[in-house]
Amino acid sequence: MAGLRAFALSLKSHIVVAFVAVVLFGILQSTGGRISTNDGEGWDGQDYSRMLREGWLSGTVHTRLRPLIIWANTPVFIATRSPVLSFAIMNMVYAGLLAGVLSMLLQRYGAGTFLRIIAVVCIALSDHFRLQAFYPVLIDLGACAVIAVALLLILDGPRWAATLACAAAVLAREYSVILLFFGVHRDWRNHVPLRATIATYVPAAILWIAVRIVASRAPNAASVVSLHTLLENRHAWADPLFVALFVYFLVVHAGGVSLLVASQPRRCVRFLTREPEWVSYAVPLIVVTALGGADIWRYFTPLLPVVAVLFAQCFADRSRGEQYMLGVSAIALTLWTQAPFKRMDEASYFADWFPYYIRQGLYHVPSPPPLWPDWGWRFLVVAVAFCVLLAFVRADDSPAHSG
């Protein structure tokens, strides 16, 4: 009975955290503006809207690789007959689901209620949520929620549930195949029998391949991105601005939470040494993002579970006073780096979120604002904040709390 009561209380706390994230997402939807391009569908959103109206094979060769969120949104679309409204409604569901699962991951790795609330609030105010509040017809938030569920089930769920979750994830976003790297590495480290590993992860691998075959044989298959095309983007690393933007977005993509994590390299390394499967998950995503062109931080969205776990590992054993100080710092840094309540338009969409498109001259607005001096101040403030955190938020030599 005591165990059941504890589980109910724990579940209630995760629901409360999820509710907080949904409320914040609703505030972002009401204060941040809404994209006006193509009647609110945006650019990629036109393809997702067409998939809602005409079926998933009507998308491009790229969007056909990620049908799950379209299928999940279809019942709401049937009721509303509006792609924009159906995505806006379902994005609130995905925001709550992602926040609840992140709360569970944080608790699993030692974070108490206060740290869980701080982490989820910062993530909910980050550009990952803001982007879909401003530009709802995208699948990123929903896909990240599915990936987070799969990670949680790989860690603690029954294997059949992990199998289903991984299969769902590879249908949600094509780079979800990194889940298989995570799961196989974890099984190998824990000496799980090979037949169990194969039974758990091969179905998702087969499904990932099957979807790519179907997508490549449909119309417009010639535009699919090949490895050669992807590697052509490595020339961007000769541009110091691209390097600076990549590092900036990697460090602050989850606001103050990821910046605080970045200030604790020793604790991060100690944890990743104990559970190296997180490296097998994160590194391929970071490498592909590094080679993948100008979107940069948008493809860091699946790193949110990693950031949450590292945040718990770095700060769960701090004193209550230190946690309060760190919480205030995390919120303040999030408000500075993410500017969550700023009203957006198409020009600020590129200047704030995708500045390298302006550098390349690939923006879709008549006259985007200049990058300087605004980005100079961003780099300076984050660099100073990072140095201060390195100096005053020191990692001690005791082992980090084990997960």
Protein backbone atom coordinates (compact mmCIF):
# COMPACT_ATOMS: atom_id res chain seq x y z
CA MET A 1 0.00 0.00 0.00
CA ALA A 2 2.84 2.41 0.83
CA GLY A 3 4.46 1.66 -2.53
CA LEU A 4 1.21 2.33 -4.37
CA ARG A 5 0.74 5.61 -2.50
CA ALA A 6 4.28 6.69 -3.36
CA PHE A 7 3.70 5.85 -7.02
CA ALA A 8 0.46 7.87 -7.06
CA LEU A 9 2.19 10.87 -5.49
CA SER A 10 5.06 10.60 -7.95
CA LEU A 11 2.68 10.36 -10.90
CA LYS A 12 0.74 13.35 -9.62
CA SER A 13 3.90 15.43 -9.47
CA HIS A 14 4.76 14.54 -13.08
CA ILE A 15 1.25 15.50 -14.17
CA VAL A 16 1.60 18.84 -12.39
CA VAL A 17 4.94 19.48 -14.14
CA ALA A 18 3.34 18.57 -17.48
CA PHE A 19 0.46 20.94 -16.77
CA VAL A 20 2.90 23.76 -16.05
CA ALA A 21 4.57 23.15 -19.43
CA VAL A 22 1.20 23.17 -21.23
CA VAL A 23 0.25 26.46 -19.58
CA LEU A 24 3.58 28.01 -20.57
CA PHE A 25 3.15 26.71 -24.12
CA GLY A 26 -0.31 28.29 -24.24
CA ILE A 27 1.18 31.60 -23.09
CA LEU A 28 3.84 31.37 -25.82
CA GLN A 29 1.11 30.75 -28.39
CA SER A 30 -0.76 33.86 -27.27
CA THR A 31 2.20 36.23 -26.89
CA GLY A 32 4.71 35.15 -29.55
CA GLY A 33 2.69 35.82 -32.69
CA ARG A 34 1.94 33.41 -35.48
CA ILE A 35 3.65 32.89 -38.81
CA SER A 36 1.64 34.38 -41.68
CA THR A 37 3.41 32.74 -44.62
CA ASN A 38 1.08 30.54 -46.70
CA ASP A 39 -1.91 31.32 -44.48
CA GLY A 40 -0.11 30.23 -41.33
CA GLU A 41 1.16 26.93 -42.72
CA GLY A 42 4.70 28.19 -43.23
CA TRP A 43 7.16 26.60 -45.64
CA ASP A 44 7.65 22.94 -44.64
CA GLY A 45 4.21 23.16 -43.08
CA GLN A 46 2.62 23.23 -46.52
CA ASP A 47 3.85 19.69 -47.07
CA TYR A 48 2.53 18.49 -43.71
CA SER A 49 -0.82 20.17 -44.40
CA ARG A 50 -1.05 18.42 -47.76
CA MET A 51 -0.30 15.11 -46.06
CA LEU A 52 -3.20 15.74 -43.69
CA ARG A 53 -5.54 16.50 -46.55
CA GLU A 54 -4.41 13.93 -49.12
CA GLY A 55 -2.54 11.21 -47.25
CA TRP A 56 1.06 10.77 -46.15
CA LEU A 57 2.41 9.77 -49.58
CA SER A 58 1.43 13.19 -50.91
CA GLY A 59 4.32 14.78 -49.03
CA THR A 60 7.83 15.35 -50.28
CA VAL A 61 10.45 12.63 -50.17
CA HIS A 62 11.63 14.10 -46.85
CA THR A 63 8.28 14.58 -45.10
CA ARG A 64 7.12 11.13 -46.18
CA LEU A 65 9.85 9.72 -43.94
CA ARG A 66 8.04 11.04 -40.84
CA PRO A 67 4.33 10.20 -41.02
CA LEU A 68 3.51 9.38 -37.39
CA ILE A 69 2.67 12.88 -36.17
CA ILE A 70 0.53 13.42 -39.28
CA TRP A 71 -1.41 10.25 -38.49
CA ALA A 72 -1.77 11.26 -34.83
CA ASN A 73 -3.07 14.71 -35.81
CA THR A 74 -5.57 13.38 -38.35
CA PRO A 75 -8.52 12.89 -35.95
CA VAL A 76 -8.27 16.51 -34.79
CA PHE A 77 -7.93 17.65 -38.40
CA ILE A 78 -11.10 15.74 -39.32
CA ALA A 79 -12.90 17.59 -36.54
CA THR A 80 -11.47 21.06 -37.26
CA ARG A 81 -10.75 20.87 -41.03
CA SER A 82 -7.82 23.19 -40.34
CA PRO A 83 -4.22 21.96 -40.48
CA VAL A 84 -2.99 24.97 -38.50
CA LEU A 85 -5.58 24.57 -35.74
CA SER A 86 -5.15 20.81 -35.53
CA PHE A 87 -1.38 21.15 -35.16
CA ALA A 88 -1.77 23.95 -32.60
CA ILE A 89 -4.08 21.79 -30.48
CA MET A 90 -1.97 18.65 -30.73
CA ASN A 91 1.24 20.55 -30.03
CA MET A 92 -0.15 21.32 -26.58
CA VAL A 93 -0.63 17.58 -26.05
CA TYR A 94 2.94 16.90 -27.20
CA ALA A 95 4.27 19.68 -24.95
CA GLY A 96 2.61 18.10 -21.93
CA LEU A 97 3.73 14.60 -22.86
CA LEU A 98 7.33 15.67 -23.40
CA ALA A 99 7.41 17.63 -20.14
CA GLY A 100 5.94 14.73 -18.17
CA VAL A 101 8.46 12.25 -19.56
CA LEU A 102 11.36 14.65 -18.96
CA SER A 103 10.16 14.98 -15.37
CA MET A 104 10.25 11.17 -15.04
CA LEU A 105 13.77 11.04 -16.48
CA LEU A 106 14.91 13.79 -14.13
CA GLN A 107 13.47 11.93 -11.15
CA ARG A 108 15.01 8.66 -12.27
CA TYR A 109 18.43 10.27 -12.21
CA GLY A 110 18.01 11.87 -8.80
CA ALA A 111 16.36 15.27 -9.31
CA GLY A 112 13.86 16.42 -6.70
CA THR A 113 10.68 18.36 -7.39
CA PHE A 114 12.36 21.77 -7.40
CA LEU A 115 15.02 20.83 -9.96
CA ARG A 116 12.43 19.07 -12.11
CA ILE A 117 10.26 22.18 -12.21
CA ILE A 118 13.24 24.42 -13.00
CA ALA A 119 14.42 22.15 -15.82
CA VAL A 120 11.00 21.79 -17.41
CA VAL A 121 10.19 25.51 -17.11
CA CYS A 122 13.46 26.42 -18.83
CA ILE A 123 12.86 23.87 -21.59
CA ALA A 124 9.25 25.01 -21.99
CA LEU A 125 10.47 28.59 -22.44
CA SER A 126 13.18 27.53 -24.88
CA ASP A 127 13.16 27.98 -28.63
CA HIS A 128 12.12 24.33 -29.08
CA PHE A 129 8.67 25.18 -27.69
CA ARG A 130 8.63 28.76 -29.02
CA LEU A 131 9.25 27.64 -32.59
CA GLN A 132 6.14 25.49 -32.62
CA ALA A 133 4.06 28.12 -30.86
CA PHE A 134 4.95 30.56 -33.65
CA TYR A 135 5.07 27.99 -36.48
CA PRO A 136 2.66 25.23 -35.44
CA VAL A 137 2.62 23.09 -38.60
CA LEU A 138 5.84 21.25 -37.79
CA ILE A 139 6.38 17.78 -36.35
CA ASP A 140 9.48 18.46 -34.20
CA LEU A 141 7.80 18.75 -30.79
CA GLY A 142 5.65 15.67 -31.28
CA ALA A 143 8.59 13.66 -32.57
CA CYS A 144 10.72 14.64 -29.58
CA ALA A 145 7.94 13.55 -27.23
CA VAL A 146 7.81 10.13 -28.90
CA ILE A 147 11.61 9.81 -28.72
CA ALA A 148 11.59 10.71 -25.02
CA VAL A 149 8.94 8.07 -24.33
CA ALA A 150 11.07 5.50 -26.16
CA LEU A 151 14.15 6.42 -24.11
CA LEU A 152 12.21 6.09 -20.86
CA LEU A 153 10.85 2.68 -21.88
CA ILE A 154 14.29 1.45 -22.96
CA LEU A 155 15.55 2.40 -19.50
CA ASP A 156 12.72 1.07 -17.35
CA GLY A 157 9.84 -0.32 -19.38
CA PRO A 158 9.04 -3.87 -20.48
CA ARG A 159 10.94 -4.82 -23.63
CA TRP A 160 7.79 -5.22 -25.72
CA ALA A 161 6.87 -1.61 -24.89
CA ALA A 162 10.37 -0.42 -25.82
CA THR A 163 10.03 -2.27 -29.14
CA LEU A 164 6.74 -0.53 -29.93
CA ALA A 165 8.06 2.85 -28.82
CA CYS A 166 11.18 2.58 -31.00
CA ALA A 167 9.03 1.60 -33.97
CA ALA A 168 6.81 4.63 -33.35
CA ALA A 169 9.86 6.88 -33.02
CA VAL A 170 11.38 5.92 -36.37
CA LEU A 171 8.03 6.80 -37.94
CA ALA A 172 8.04 10.16 -36.17
CA ARG A 173 11.48 11.39 -37.31
CA GLU A 174 14.05 9.70 -39.50
CA TYR A 175 16.99 10.44 -37.18
CA SER A 176 15.22 8.51 -34.40
CA VAL A 177 17.33 5.57 -35.52
CA ILE A 178 19.82 6.84 -32.93
CA LEU A 179 17.54 5.22 -30.35
CA LEU A 180 18.75 1.87 -31.64
CA PHE A 181 22.35 2.89 -31.00
CA PHE A 182 21.36 3.78 -27.45
CA GLY A 183 19.41 0.58 -26.80
CA VAL A 184 21.90 -1.82 -28.36
CA HIS A 185 24.82 -0.19 -26.53
CA ARG A 186 22.94 -0.34 -23.23
CA ASP A 187 22.08 -4.01 -23.75
CA TRP A 188 25.70 -4.79 -24.64
CA ARG A 189 26.96 -3.00 -21.52
CA ASN A 190 24.46 -4.85 -19.32
CA HIS A 191 25.22 -8.25 -20.94
CA VAL A 192 21.66 -8.74 -22.22
CA PRO A 193 21.35 -11.87 -24.38
CA LEU A 194 21.75 -11.09 -28.07
CA ARG A 195 18.42 -12.65 -29.01
CA ALA A 196 16.62 -10.24 -26.67
CA THR A 197 18.44 -7.27 -28.19
CA ILE A 198 17.59 -8.41 -31.70
CA ALA A 199 13.93 -8.96 -30.83
CA THR A 200 13.71 -5.51 -29.25
CA TYR A 201 15.40 -3.33 -31.86
CA VAL A 202 15.42 -5.09 -35.22
CA PRO A 203 11.68 -4.44 -35.87
CA ALA A 204 12.29 -0.67 -35.67
CA ALA A 205 15.34 -0.97 -37.95
CA ILE A 206 13.31 -2.91 -40.53
CA LEU A 207 10.51 -0.34 -40.33
CA TRP A 208 13.00 2.52 -40.76
CA ILE A 209 14.37 0.90 -43.92
CA ALA A 210 10.90 0.06 -45.25
CA VAL A 211 9.67 3.64 -44.91
CA ARG A 212 12.72 4.93 -46.77
CA ILE A 213 12.13 2.44 -49.58
CA VAL A 214 8.50 3.50 -49.94
CA ALA A 215 9.42 7.19 -49.83
CA SER A 216 12.21 6.81 -52.38
CA ARG A 217 9.93 5.07 -54.88
CA ALA A 218 7.23 7.74 -54.71
CA PRO A 219 7.30 10.88 -56.92
CA ASN A 220 10.15 13.40 -56.45
CA ALA A 221 12.47 10.72 -55.06
CA ALA A 222 15.39 12.26 -56.94
CA SER A 223 15.54 15.05 -54.34
CA VAL A 224 16.34 12.76 -51.43
CA VAL A 225 19.42 13.80 -49.43
CA SER A 226 22.35 11.44 -49.98
CA LEU A 227 25.45 11.02 -47.85
CA HIS A 228 27.43 12.87 -50.51
CA THR A 229 25.02 15.81 -50.40
CA LEU A 230 25.15 15.90 -46.62
CA LEU A 231 28.94 15.92 -46.55
CA GLU A 232 29.03 18.81 -48.98
CA ASN A 233 27.83 20.97 -46.07
CA ARG A 234 31.15 20.50 -44.27
CA HIS A 235 32.43 23.62 -46.04
CA ALA A 236 30.40 25.70 -43.55
CA TRP A 237 33.00 24.85 -40.90
CA ALA A 238 35.46 27.09 -42.70
CA ASP A 239 33.23 30.03 -41.74
CA PRO A 240 33.92 31.28 -38.18
CA LEU A 241 30.33 32.54 -37.90
CA PHE A 242 28.92 29.06 -38.49
CA VAL A 243 31.29 27.63 -35.86
CA ALA A 244 30.31 30.34 -33.38
CA LEU A 245 26.59 29.81 -34.01
CA PHE A 246 26.92 26.04 -33.70
CA VAL A 247 28.69 26.29 -30.34
CA TYR A 248 26.28 28.97 -29.12
CA PHE A 249 23.17 26.98 -29.97
CA LEU A 250 24.62 23.75 -28.59
CA VAL A 251 25.35 25.43 -25.26
CA VAL A 252 22.06 27.35 -24.89
CA HIS A 253 19.54 25.35 -26.91
CA ALA A 254 17.71 24.44 -23.66
CA GLY A 255 18.26 27.87 -22.16
CA GLY A 256 19.89 28.11 -18.75
CA VAL A 257 19.61 24.36 -18.18
CA SER A 258 21.98 23.42 -21.00
CA LEU A 259 24.31 26.31 -20.11
CA LEU A 260 24.55 25.07 -16.52
CA VAL A 261 25.19 21.53 -17.75
CA ALA A 262 27.96 22.80 -20.04
CA SER A 263 29.63 24.37 -17.00
CA GLN A 264 29.99 20.93 -15.35
CA PRO A 265 32.25 18.97 -17.73
CA ARG A 266 33.80 16.73 -15.05
CA ARG A 267 30.47 15.55 -13.70
CA CYS A 268 29.15 15.03 -17.22
CA VAL A 269 32.19 12.94 -18.13
CA ARG A 270 31.88 10.85 -14.97
CA PHE A 271 28.26 10.07 -15.72
CA LEU A 272 28.85 9.37 -19.42
CA THR A 273 31.66 7.02 -18.46
CA ARG A 274 29.21 5.04 -16.34
CA GLU A 275 26.41 5.11 -18.93
CA PRO A 276 28.20 5.54 -22.29
CA GLU A 277 25.06 4.66 -24.25
CA TRP A 278 24.08 8.32 -23.90
CA VAL A 279 27.18 9.15 -25.95
CA SER A 280 26.06 6.65 -28.61
CA TYR A 281 22.75 8.52 -28.72
CA ALA A 282 23.99 12.12 -28.64
CA VAL A 283 27.17 12.08 -30.74
CA PRO A 284 25.62 10.88 -34.05
CA LEU A 285 22.94 13.56 -33.74
CA ILE A 286 25.48 16.29 -33.04
CA VAL A 287 27.70 15.16 -35.92
CA VAL A 288 24.84 15.07 -38.43
CA THR A 289 23.70 18.49 -37.22
CA ALA A 290 27.24 19.82 -37.60
CA LEU A 291 27.27 18.70 -41.23
CA GLY A 292 23.66 19.45 -41.98
CA GLY A 293 23.62 23.13 -42.81
CA ALA A 294 21.93 26.21 -41.42
CA ASP A 295 19.09 24.94 -39.21
CA ILE A 296 21.52 24.00 -36.40
CA TRP A 297 19.63 24.22 -33.07
CA ARG A 298 16.34 22.87 -34.44
CA TYR A 299 17.98 19.47 -34.84
CA PHE A 300 19.19 19.57 -31.26
CA THR A 301 15.60 19.03 -30.06
CA PRO A 302 16.13 15.26 -29.44
CA LEU A 303 18.99 16.21 -27.09
CA LEU A 304 16.49 17.55 -24.54
CA PRO A 305 16.29 14.18 -22.70
CA VAL A 306 20.10 14.08 -22.54
CA VAL A 307 20.21 17.62 -21.14
CA ALA A 308 17.59 16.72 -18.53
CA VAL A 309 19.51 13.63 -17.40
CA LEU A 310 22.82 15.49 -17.19
CA PHE A 311 21.16 18.35 -15.30
CA ALA A 312 19.91 15.87 -12.70
CA GLN A 313 23.32 14.23 -12.44
CA CYS A 314 25.16 17.52 -12.08
CA PHE A 315 22.97 19.21 -9.49
CA ALA A 316 20.76 16.71 -7.64
CA ASP A 317 23.21 16.35 -4.74
CA ARG A 318 23.70 20.09 -4.23
CA SER A 319 22.42 21.71 -1.07
CA ARG A 320 18.98 23.28 -1.10
CA GLY A 321 20.51 26.77 -1.01
CA GLU A 322 22.75 26.00 -3.97
CA GLN A 323 19.83 24.56 -5.89
CA TYR A 324 17.81 27.73 -5.32
CA MET A 325 20.70 29.85 -6.55
CA LEU A 326 21.16 27.61 -9.58
CA GLY A 327 17.43 27.66 -10.28
CA VAL A 328 17.32 31.45 -10.30
CA SER A 329 20.40 31.50 -12.56
CA ALA A 330 18.85 28.96 -14.94
CA ILE A 331 15.62 30.96 -15.26
CA ALA A 332 17.49 34.26 -15.73
CA LEU A 333 19.77 32.79 -18.40
CA THR A 334 16.76 31.26 -20.15
CA LEU A 335 14.97 34.60 -20.25
CA TRP A 336 18.08 36.21 -21.71
CA THR A 337 19.07 33.61 -24.29
CA GLN A 338 15.57 32.60 -25.41
CA ALA A 339 13.60 35.86 -25.02
CA PRO A 340 10.47 33.69 -24.66
CA PHE A 341 7.87 36.45 -24.66
CA LYS A 342 9.22 38.41 -27.59
CA ARG A 343 6.69 38.80 -30.37
CA MET A 344 8.01 37.15 -33.52
CA ASP A 345 7.52 37.76 -37.22
CA GLU A 346 9.11 36.24 -40.32
CA ALA A 347 12.06 38.67 -40.24
CA SER A 348 12.92 37.96 -36.59
CA TYR A 349 12.30 34.24 -37.29
CA PHE A 350 15.44 34.22 -39.43
CA ALA A 351 17.45 36.79 -37.46
CA ASP A 352 16.90 35.11 -34.07
CA TRP A 353 16.50 31.42 -34.88
CA PHE A 354 18.15 30.76 -38.23
CA PRO A 355 20.75 33.52 -38.66
CA TYR A 356 23.01 31.46 -40.91
CA TYR A 357 20.31 31.56 -43.58
CA ILE A 358 20.81 35.32 -43.63
CA ARG A 359 24.54 34.78 -43.96
CA GLN A 360 23.88 32.51 -46.95
CA GLY A 361 21.24 34.77 -48.49
CA LEU A 362 18.63 31.99 -48.29
CA TYR A 363 15.99 33.77 -46.20
CA HIS A 364 12.35 34.01 -47.36
CA VAL A 365 11.64 37.60 -46.33
CA PRO A 366 12.23 40.80 -48.30
CA SER A 367 14.59 42.50 -45.84
CA PRO A 368 15.78 40.64 -42.74
CA PRO A 369 17.25 42.69 -39.90
CA PRO A 370 21.03 42.83 -39.62
CA LEU A 371 22.79 40.23 -37.49
CA TRP A 372 25.02 42.79 -35.79
CA PRO A 373 25.33 44.14 -33.16
CA ASP A 374 22.60 41.89 -31.68
CA TRP A 375 24.49 38.64 -32.20
CA GLY A 376 27.68 40.19 -30.91
CA TRP A 377 25.93 40.91 -27.61
CA ARG A 378 24.53 37.38 -27.50
CA PHE A 379 27.95 35.82 -27.94
CA LEU A 380 29.48 38.14 -25.35
CA VAL A 381 26.84 37.65 -22.65
CA VAL A 382 26.80 33.86 -23.01
CA ALA A 383 30.61 33.70 -22.98
CA VAL A 384 30.76 35.79 -19.80
CA ALA A 385 27.97 33.76 -18.16
CA PHE A 386 29.74 30.53 -19.02
CA CYS A 387 33.01 31.74 -17.52
CA VAL A 388 31.22 32.88 -14.34
CA LEU A 389 29.53 29.49 -14.01
CA LEU A 390 32.84 27.69 -14.48
CA ALA A 391 34.32 29.81 -11.72
CA PHE A 392 31.52 29.65 -9.16
CA VAL A 393 29.54 26.47 -9.88
CA ARG A 394 32.40 24.07 -9.27
CA ALA A 395 32.04 20.32 -9.55
CA ASP A 396 33.45 18.54 -6.51
CA ASP A 397 35.44 15.30 -6.72
CA SER A 398 32.80 13.02 -5.24
CA PRO A 399 31.06 10.71 -7.71
CA ALA A 400 27.88 12.13 -9.20
CA HIS A 401 24.64 10.54 -8.07
CA SER A 402 24.28 7.24 -9.86
CA GLY A 403 21.34 6.51 -12.13
